[in-house]
Amino acid sequence: MLSDGRLTRAAFTTVQVRRRRIAAYLDNQLQGQVASDPDDIAAMMAAWENVRGEALSHRQSVDLILEVAESWS
């Protein structure tokens, strides 16, 4: 959730500009928005790290896809 209460359930991209300032662009079904508040950026990065921590490796993903495809044929 952004510091103003808006939810962050959207795709986002971060960019680091001069003097180490970081901004993020969020894109959802209704609109795009830019976030630059450090607390907002930290929340988005924490959410991303949580997702990354649950993701399978590339090889594991391929193996799972092949396994499921086999079970459907």
N, C-alpha and C. Protein backbone atom coordinates (compact mmCIF):
# COMPACT_ATOMS: atom_id res chain seq x y z
N MET A 1 0.85 -1.17 0.00
CA MET A 1 0.00 0.00 0.00
C MET A 1 0.90 1.24 0.00
N LEU A 2 0.56 2.20 -0.84
CA LEU A 2 1.31 3.46 -0.88
C LEU A 2 1.01 4.29 0.36
N SER A 3 1.86 5.25 0.62
CA SER A 3 1.72 6.04 1.85
C SER A 3 0.39 6.80 1.91
N ASP A 4 -0.24 7.05 0.75
CA ASP A 4 -1.53 7.75 0.76
C ASP A 4 -2.71 6.78 0.81
N GLY A 5 -2.43 5.47 1.01
CA GLY A 5 -3.50 4.50 1.18
C GLY A 5 -3.88 3.75 -0.09
N ARG A 6 -3.36 4.15 -1.25
CA ARG A 6 -3.67 3.43 -2.48
C ARG A 6 -2.98 2.08 -2.49
N LEU A 7 -3.65 1.09 -3.04
CA LEU A 7 -3.06 -0.24 -3.13
C LEU A 7 -2.03 -0.30 -4.25
N THR A 8 -1.05 -1.20 -4.11
CA THR A 8 0.01 -1.30 -5.10
C THR A 8 -0.08 -2.61 -5.88
N ARG A 9 -1.26 -3.13 -6.08
CA ARG A 9 -1.41 -4.38 -6.83
C ARG A 9 -1.37 -4.06 -8.32
N ALA A 10 -0.18 -3.82 -8.80
CA ALA A 10 0.02 -3.47 -10.20
C ALA A 10 1.45 -3.81 -10.57
N ALA A 11 1.68 -3.91 -11.86
CA ALA A 11 3.05 -4.07 -12.33
C ALA A 11 3.79 -2.77 -12.08
N PHE A 12 5.07 -2.87 -11.77
CA PHE A 12 5.83 -1.64 -11.57
C PHE A 12 7.26 -1.79 -12.06
N THR A 13 7.85 -0.66 -12.37
CA THR A 13 9.23 -0.58 -12.81
C THR A 13 9.91 0.49 -11.97
N THR A 14 11.12 0.20 -11.51
CA THR A 14 11.86 1.22 -10.75
C THR A 14 13.00 1.77 -11.59
N VAL A 15 13.37 2.99 -11.29
CA VAL A 15 14.49 3.63 -11.97
C VAL A 15 15.27 4.43 -10.94
N GLN A 16 16.57 4.37 -11.05
CA GLN A 16 17.42 5.15 -10.15
C GLN A 16 18.03 6.29 -10.96
N VAL A 17 17.86 7.48 -10.47
CA VAL A 17 18.39 8.66 -11.16
C VAL A 17 19.50 9.29 -10.33
N ARG A 18 19.99 10.39 -10.80
CA ARG A 18 21.11 11.05 -10.11
C ARG A 18 20.89 11.16 -8.61
N ARG A 19 21.97 11.19 -7.92
CA ARG A 19 21.98 11.32 -6.46
C ARG A 19 21.21 10.19 -5.78
N ARG A 20 21.18 9.04 -6.43
CA ARG A 20 20.58 7.83 -5.87
C ARG A 20 19.09 7.93 -5.58
N ARG A 21 18.43 8.87 -6.14
CA ARG A 21 16.99 8.97 -5.94
C ARG A 21 16.31 7.89 -6.78
N ILE A 22 15.36 7.19 -6.21
CA ILE A 22 14.67 6.11 -6.90
C ILE A 22 13.21 6.49 -7.07
N ALA A 23 12.66 6.21 -8.24
CA ALA A 23 11.25 6.41 -8.51
C ALA A 23 10.70 5.11 -9.09
N ALA A 24 9.40 4.96 -9.06
CA ALA A 24 8.77 3.78 -9.63
C ALA A 24 7.59 4.22 -10.48
N TYR A 25 7.37 3.48 -11.56
CA TYR A 25 6.19 3.69 -12.39
C TYR A 25 5.31 2.46 -12.22
N LEU A 26 4.08 2.67 -11.79
CA LEU A 26 3.12 1.58 -11.59
C LEU A 26 2.10 1.64 -12.71
N ASP A 27 1.73 0.48 -13.21
CA ASP A 27 0.77 0.41 -14.30
C ASP A 27 -0.32 -0.59 -13.94
N ASN A 28 -1.56 -0.15 -14.00
CA ASN A 28 -2.67 -1.06 -13.73
C ASN A 28 -3.74 -0.88 -14.80
N GLN A 29 -4.90 -1.50 -14.62
CA GLN A 29 -5.95 -1.46 -15.63
C GLN A 29 -6.55 -0.07 -15.83
N LEU A 30 -6.44 0.78 -14.85
CA LEU A 30 -7.09 2.08 -14.92
C LEU A 30 -6.16 3.22 -15.31
N GLN A 31 -4.91 3.16 -14.85
CA GLN A 31 -4.01 4.28 -15.09
C GLN A 31 -2.58 3.91 -14.75
N GLY A 32 -1.66 4.75 -15.10
CA GLY A 32 -0.27 4.63 -14.67
C GLY A 32 0.01 5.75 -13.68
N GLN A 33 0.96 5.53 -12.81
CA GLN A 33 1.31 6.58 -11.86
C GLN A 33 2.78 6.46 -11.49
N VAL A 34 3.35 7.57 -11.09
CA VAL A 34 4.74 7.61 -10.66
C VAL A 34 4.76 7.76 -9.14
N ALA A 35 5.58 6.94 -8.48
CA ALA A 35 5.75 7.02 -7.03
C ALA A 35 7.20 7.36 -6.75
N SER A 36 7.43 8.29 -5.84
CA SER A 36 8.81 8.65 -5.50
C SER A 36 9.05 8.71 -3.99
N ASP A 37 8.01 8.50 -3.21
CA ASP A 37 8.17 8.51 -1.76
C ASP A 37 9.01 7.30 -1.35
N PRO A 38 10.08 7.52 -0.58
CA PRO A 38 10.96 6.40 -0.20
C PRO A 38 10.23 5.25 0.50
N ASP A 39 9.20 5.55 1.30
CA ASP A 39 8.44 4.49 1.96
C ASP A 39 7.66 3.67 0.94
N ASP A 40 7.10 4.34 -0.08
CA ASP A 40 6.38 3.63 -1.13
C ASP A 40 7.32 2.71 -1.90
N ILE A 41 8.49 3.23 -2.25
CA ILE A 41 9.47 2.44 -3.00
C ILE A 41 9.90 1.24 -2.16
N ALA A 42 10.14 1.45 -0.89
CA ALA A 42 10.55 0.34 -0.01
C ALA A 42 9.46 -0.73 0.06
N ALA A 43 8.20 -0.32 0.12
CA ALA A 43 7.09 -1.28 0.17
C ALA A 43 7.02 -2.08 -1.12
N MET A 44 7.19 -1.42 -2.26
CA MET A 44 7.16 -2.12 -3.54
C MET A 44 8.33 -3.09 -3.67
N MET A 45 9.50 -2.66 -3.25
CA MET A 45 10.67 -3.53 -3.34
C MET A 45 10.52 -4.73 -2.41
N ALA A 46 9.95 -4.52 -1.23
CA ALA A 46 9.73 -5.63 -0.30
C ALA A 46 8.74 -6.63 -0.90
N ALA A 47 7.68 -6.12 -1.53
CA ALA A 47 6.71 -7.00 -2.17
C ALA A 47 7.37 -7.81 -3.28
N TRP A 48 8.21 -7.14 -4.07
CA TRP A 48 8.92 -7.84 -5.16
C TRP A 48 9.82 -8.93 -4.61
N GLU A 49 10.54 -8.65 -3.55
CA GLU A 49 11.43 -9.65 -2.96
C GLU A 49 10.63 -10.84 -2.43
N ASN A 50 9.44 -10.59 -1.89
CA ASN A 50 8.59 -11.69 -1.44
C ASN A 50 8.18 -12.58 -2.61
N VAL A 51 7.80 -11.98 -3.71
CA VAL A 51 7.43 -12.75 -4.91
C VAL A 51 8.64 -13.53 -5.42
N ARG A 52 9.76 -12.86 -5.51
CA ARG A 52 10.97 -13.51 -6.00
C ARG A 52 11.37 -14.70 -5.13
N GLY A 53 11.15 -14.57 -3.83
CA GLY A 53 11.49 -15.65 -2.91
C GLY A 53 10.63 -16.88 -3.10
N GLU A 54 9.43 -16.72 -3.64
CA GLU A 54 8.53 -17.84 -3.87
C GLU A 54 8.66 -18.43 -5.27
N ALA A 55 9.29 -17.72 -6.16
CA ALA A 55 9.37 -18.15 -7.56
C ALA A 55 10.27 -19.37 -7.73
N LEU A 56 9.89 -20.21 -8.69
CA LEU A 56 10.74 -21.34 -9.04
C LEU A 56 11.91 -20.84 -9.89
N SER A 57 12.96 -21.62 -9.91
CA SER A 57 14.07 -21.30 -10.82
C SER A 57 13.61 -21.54 -12.26
N HIS A 58 14.37 -21.07 -13.21
CA HIS A 58 14.04 -21.27 -14.63
C HIS A 58 13.89 -22.76 -14.92
N ARG A 59 14.84 -23.55 -14.50
CA ARG A 59 14.81 -24.99 -14.76
C ARG A 59 13.60 -25.65 -14.09
N GLN A 60 13.32 -25.27 -12.86
CA GLN A 60 12.15 -25.83 -12.16
C GLN A 60 10.85 -25.45 -12.87
N SER A 61 10.78 -24.24 -13.38
CA SER A 61 9.58 -23.80 -14.11
C SER A 61 9.39 -24.64 -15.37
N VAL A 62 10.45 -24.82 -16.13
CA VAL A 62 10.38 -25.63 -17.35
C VAL A 62 9.95 -27.05 -17.01
N ASP A 63 10.55 -27.64 -15.99
CA ASP A 63 10.19 -29.00 -15.59
C ASP A 63 8.72 -29.10 -15.20
N LEU A 64 8.22 -28.13 -14.46
CA LEU A 64 6.83 -28.13 -14.04
C LEU A 64 5.89 -27.99 -15.24
N ILE A 65 6.22 -27.11 -16.15
CA ILE A 65 5.41 -26.92 -17.36
C ILE A 65 5.35 -28.22 -18.16
N LEU A 66 6.51 -28.85 -18.33
CA LEU A 66 6.54 -30.11 -19.08
C LEU A 66 5.74 -31.20 -18.37
N GLU A 67 5.84 -31.26 -17.06
CA GLU A 67 5.12 -32.26 -16.28
C GLU A 67 3.60 -32.06 -16.43
N VAL A 68 3.15 -30.82 -16.31
CA VAL A 68 1.72 -30.54 -16.44
C VAL A 68 1.24 -30.80 -17.87
N ALA A 69 2.04 -30.39 -18.85
CA ALA A 69 1.67 -30.61 -20.25
C ALA A 69 1.52 -32.12 -20.53
N GLU A 70 2.40 -32.91 -19.96
CA GLU A 70 2.33 -34.36 -20.12
C GLU A 70 1.06 -34.93 -19.52
N SER A 71 0.69 -34.42 -18.36
CA SER A 71 -0.50 -34.93 -17.69
C SER A 71 -1.79 -34.57 -18.44
N TRP A 72 -1.75 -33.57 -19.29
CA TRP A 72 -2.92 -33.15 -20.06
C TRP A 72 -3.06 -33.90 -21.37
N SER A 73 -2.01 -34.63 -21.78
CA SER A 73 -2.10 -35.29 -23.09
C SER A 73 -2.46 -36.75 -22.96
